């Protein structure tokens, strides 16, 4: 286990709802660095003529790109638990305030399964449609201090938007 990481029990479950898992909690700075890493990864994986990253907290999207004269906005997420649970989570509220899918104005969500090379480029409208149709399996609390509310979806729900890249191991 890396220094600064703690493993604590959390309300996160595998596809077998009775099997509890442990979540790795990361300090805010490490979490922020991971997010910025995946934002840069998006820019490596897609074509664009111009791009930029949003700055600050609680922004309506993470990245913008222009390709062939058309501007597109992107929300970037990276999940450390999906590989173990088979589930993807979409946040919709934090501290009683709209967040995630309910506050994002991004055209697309790019959702990475941490350290696997698996990612999904999902139109935000499709995520909203799946929520409206109640395709999610349950709602959980998560994030720092369990202050966020999230919809839980089986990863297979998003298979049509799935892609991969080669993960290069880092040796220290």
Protein backbone atom coordinates (compact mmCIF):
# COMPACT_ATOMS: atom_id res chain seq x y z
CA UNK A 1 0.00 0.00 0.00
CA UNK A 2 1.31 3.46 -0.87
CA UNK A 3 2.12 5.91 1.88
CA UNK A 4 -0.76 8.25 2.68
CA UNK A 5 -3.46 5.79 1.58
CA UNK A 6 -5.89 4.23 4.05
CA UNK A 7 -8.24 1.33 3.57
CA UNK A 8 -11.51 1.71 5.45
CA UNK A 9 -14.89 -0.02 5.20
CA UNK A 10 -17.48 1.85 3.14
CA UNK A 11 -20.98 1.42 1.79
CA UNK A 12 -19.77 0.05 -1.53
CA UNK A 13 -20.81 -3.38 -2.73
CA UNK A 14 -19.79 -5.85 -5.39
CA UNK A 15 -22.40 -7.19 -7.84
CA UNK A 16 -23.29 -9.53 -4.95
CA UNK A 17 -25.03 -6.93 -2.76
CA UNK A 18 -24.21 -8.93 0.38
CA UNK A 19 -20.44 -8.89 -0.19
CA UNK A 20 -18.93 -5.76 1.33
CA UNK A 21 -15.74 -4.30 -0.12
CA UNK A 22 -13.17 -1.82 1.12
CA UNK A 23 -12.55 1.53 -0.48
CA UNK A 24 -9.17 3.22 -0.75
CA UNK A 25 -9.37 6.75 0.60
CA UNK A 26 -7.01 9.25 -0.94
CA UNK A 27 -5.95 12.62 0.41
CA UNK A 28 -7.54 15.51 -1.53
CA UNK A 29 -4.27 16.48 -3.25
CA UNK A 30 -3.69 12.91 -4.51
CA UNK A 31 -7.31 12.73 -5.69
CA UNK A 32 -6.91 16.05 -7.54
CA UNK A 33 -3.67 14.86 -9.17
CA UNK A 34 -5.38 11.68 -10.32
CA UNK A 35 -8.20 13.71 -11.86
CA UNK A 36 -5.75 15.95 -13.70
CA UNK A 37 -3.88 12.85 -14.94
CA UNK A 38 -7.07 11.52 -16.53
CA UNK A 39 -7.93 14.91 -18.01
CA UNK A 40 -4.56 14.84 -19.79
CA UNK A 41 -5.25 11.23 -20.84
CA UNK A 42 -8.49 12.33 -22.56
CA UNK A 43 -6.48 14.82 -24.59
CA UNK A 44 -4.10 12.01 -25.64
CA UNK A 45 -6.99 9.81 -26.79
CA UNK A 46 -9.14 12.17 -28.84
CA UNK A 47 -8.57 14.44 -31.82
CA UNK A 48 -8.96 18.19 -31.52
CA UNK A 49 -7.81 21.44 -33.08
CA UNK A 50 -7.84 23.42 -29.82
CA UNK A 51 -8.52 22.58 -26.17
CA UNK A 52 -8.57 23.89 -22.61
CA UNK A 53 -9.09 22.78 -19.04
CA UNK A 54 -11.54 24.41 -16.63
CA UNK A 55 -9.99 25.69 -13.42
CA UNK A 56 -11.34 25.74 -9.89
CA UNK A 57 -13.87 23.67 -8.00
CA UNK A 58 -17.49 22.99 -8.90
CA UNK A 59 -17.14 23.87 -12.55
CA UNK A 60 -19.76 22.84 -15.12
CA UNK A 61 -17.24 20.67 -17.07
CA UNK A 62 -13.55 19.71 -16.96
CA UNK A 63 -12.38 20.15 -20.57
CA UNK A 64 -13.41 21.83 -23.77
CA UNK A 65 -12.22 20.92 -27.23
CA UNK A 66 -12.76 22.36 -30.67
CA UNK A 67 -12.67 19.96 -33.59
CA UNK A 68 -13.51 20.95 -37.14
CA UNK A 69 -15.05 24.19 -35.85
CA UNK A 70 -17.35 22.52 -33.30
CA UNK A 71 -16.88 23.09 -29.56
CA UNK A 72 -17.56 20.17 -27.20
CA UNK A 73 -17.37 20.06 -23.39
CA UNK A 74 -16.26 17.04 -21.39
CA UNK A 75 -16.57 15.87 -17.78
CA UNK A 76 -13.80 13.45 -16.76
CA UNK A 77 -14.22 10.80 -14.05
CA UNK A 78 -11.86 8.06 -12.84
CA UNK A 79 -13.13 5.28 -10.62
CA UNK A 80 -10.87 3.15 -8.41
CA UNK A 81 -13.65 0.73 -7.38
CA UNK A 82 -15.29 -0.31 -10.67
CA UNK A 83 -12.69 -2.96 -11.45
CA UNK A 84 -13.55 -4.74 -8.18
CA UNK A 85 -17.29 -4.10 -8.04
CA UNK A 86 -18.34 -4.22 -11.69
CA UNK A 87 -20.35 -1.06 -10.99
CA UNK A 88 -20.05 2.53 -12.16
CA UNK A 89 -21.34 5.42 -10.05
CA UNK A 90 -22.71 8.75 -11.20
CA UNK A 91 -22.82 11.49 -8.56
CA UNK A 92 -25.88 13.73 -8.50
CA UNK A 93 -25.72 15.54 -5.14
CA UNK A 94 -23.14 16.63 -2.56
CA UNK A 95 -23.87 18.29 0.76
CA UNK A 96 -27.52 18.63 -0.25
CA UNK A 97 -26.62 20.58 -3.42
CA UNK A 98 -26.84 19.50 -7.05
CA UNK A 99 -23.52 18.14 -8.32
CA UNK A 100 -22.19 15.68 -10.84
CA UNK A 101 -24.72 14.83 -13.55
CA UNK A 102 -27.33 17.29 -12.20
CA UNK A 103 -25.00 20.31 -12.34
CA UNK A 104 -22.68 19.42 -15.22
CA UNK A 105 -23.21 21.14 -18.56
CA UNK A 106 -20.72 18.80 -20.29
CA UNK A 107 -21.73 17.28 -23.61
CA UNK A 108 -19.89 14.03 -22.78
CA UNK A 109 -18.62 12.17 -19.75
CA UNK A 110 -15.36 10.28 -20.15
CA UNK A 111 -15.31 7.65 -17.40
CA UNK A 112 -12.04 5.80 -16.73
CA UNK A 113 -11.69 2.53 -14.84
CA UNK A 114 -8.49 3.37 -12.94
CA UNK A 115 -5.34 1.46 -13.98
CA UNK A 116 -7.11 -0.81 -16.49
CA UNK A 117 -6.98 1.00 -19.84
CA UNK A 118 -10.79 0.82 -20.00
CA UNK A 119 -12.74 4.00 -20.56
CA UNK A 120 -16.17 5.08 -21.76
CA UNK A 121 -17.12 8.17 -23.76
CA UNK A 122 -20.79 8.61 -22.87
CA UNK A 123 -23.09 11.40 -24.07
CA UNK A 124 -24.44 13.22 -21.00
CA UNK A 125 -27.92 12.97 -22.51
CA UNK A 126 -27.64 9.16 -22.40
CA UNK A 127 -26.65 9.17 -18.73
CA UNK A 128 -29.65 11.39 -17.97
CA UNK A 129 -31.92 9.09 -20.01
CA UNK A 130 -30.71 6.01 -18.09
CA UNK A 131 -31.35 7.79 -14.80
CA UNK A 132 -34.84 8.87 -15.89
CA UNK A 133 -35.59 5.27 -16.91
CA UNK A 134 -34.26 4.10 -13.49
CA UNK A 135 -31.74 1.70 -15.04
CA UNK A 136 -29.51 2.16 -11.97
CA UNK A 137 -29.59 -0.59 -9.34
CA UNK A 138 -29.47 1.56 -6.20
CA UNK A 139 -28.35 4.86 -4.71
CA UNK A 140 -25.40 5.03 -2.33
CA UNK A 141 -23.54 7.62 -0.27
CA UNK A 142 -19.85 8.06 -1.03
CA UNK A 143 -17.01 10.51 -1.46
CA UNK A 144 -15.34 12.46 1.31
CA UNK A 145 -17.28 11.90 4.53
CA UNK A 146 -19.99 10.03 2.57
CA UNK A 147 -21.44 13.44 1.64
CA UNK A 148 -22.21 12.59 -1.99
CA UNK A 149 -25.24 10.73 -3.33
CA UNK A 150 -24.62 8.53 -6.36
CA UNK A 151 -26.53 6.29 -8.73
CA UNK A 152 -25.01 2.81 -9.09
CA UNK A 153 -25.09 1.18 -12.54
CA UNK A 154 -23.72 -2.19 -13.63
CA UNK A 155 -20.75 -1.42 -15.89
CA UNK A 156 -22.38 -3.48 -18.67
CA UNK A 157 -25.07 -0.78 -19.05
CA UNK A 158 -22.42 1.42 -20.69
CA UNK A 159 -20.76 -1.25 -22.90
CA UNK A 160 -21.72 0.43 -26.19
CA UNK A 161 -19.53 3.43 -25.24
CA UNK A 162 -16.55 1.35 -24.03
CA UNK A 163 -13.01 1.60 -25.44
CA UNK A 164 -9.49 0.75 -24.30
CA UNK A 165 -5.93 2.03 -24.41
CA UNK A 166 -2.63 0.39 -23.46
CA UNK A 167 -1.59 0.94 -19.84
CA UNK A 168 2.17 1.28 -19.46
CA UNK A 169 3.28 0.07 -16.02
CA UNK A 170 5.35 2.54 -14.01
CA UNK A 171 8.37 0.96 -12.34
CA UNK A 172 10.07 2.75 -9.48
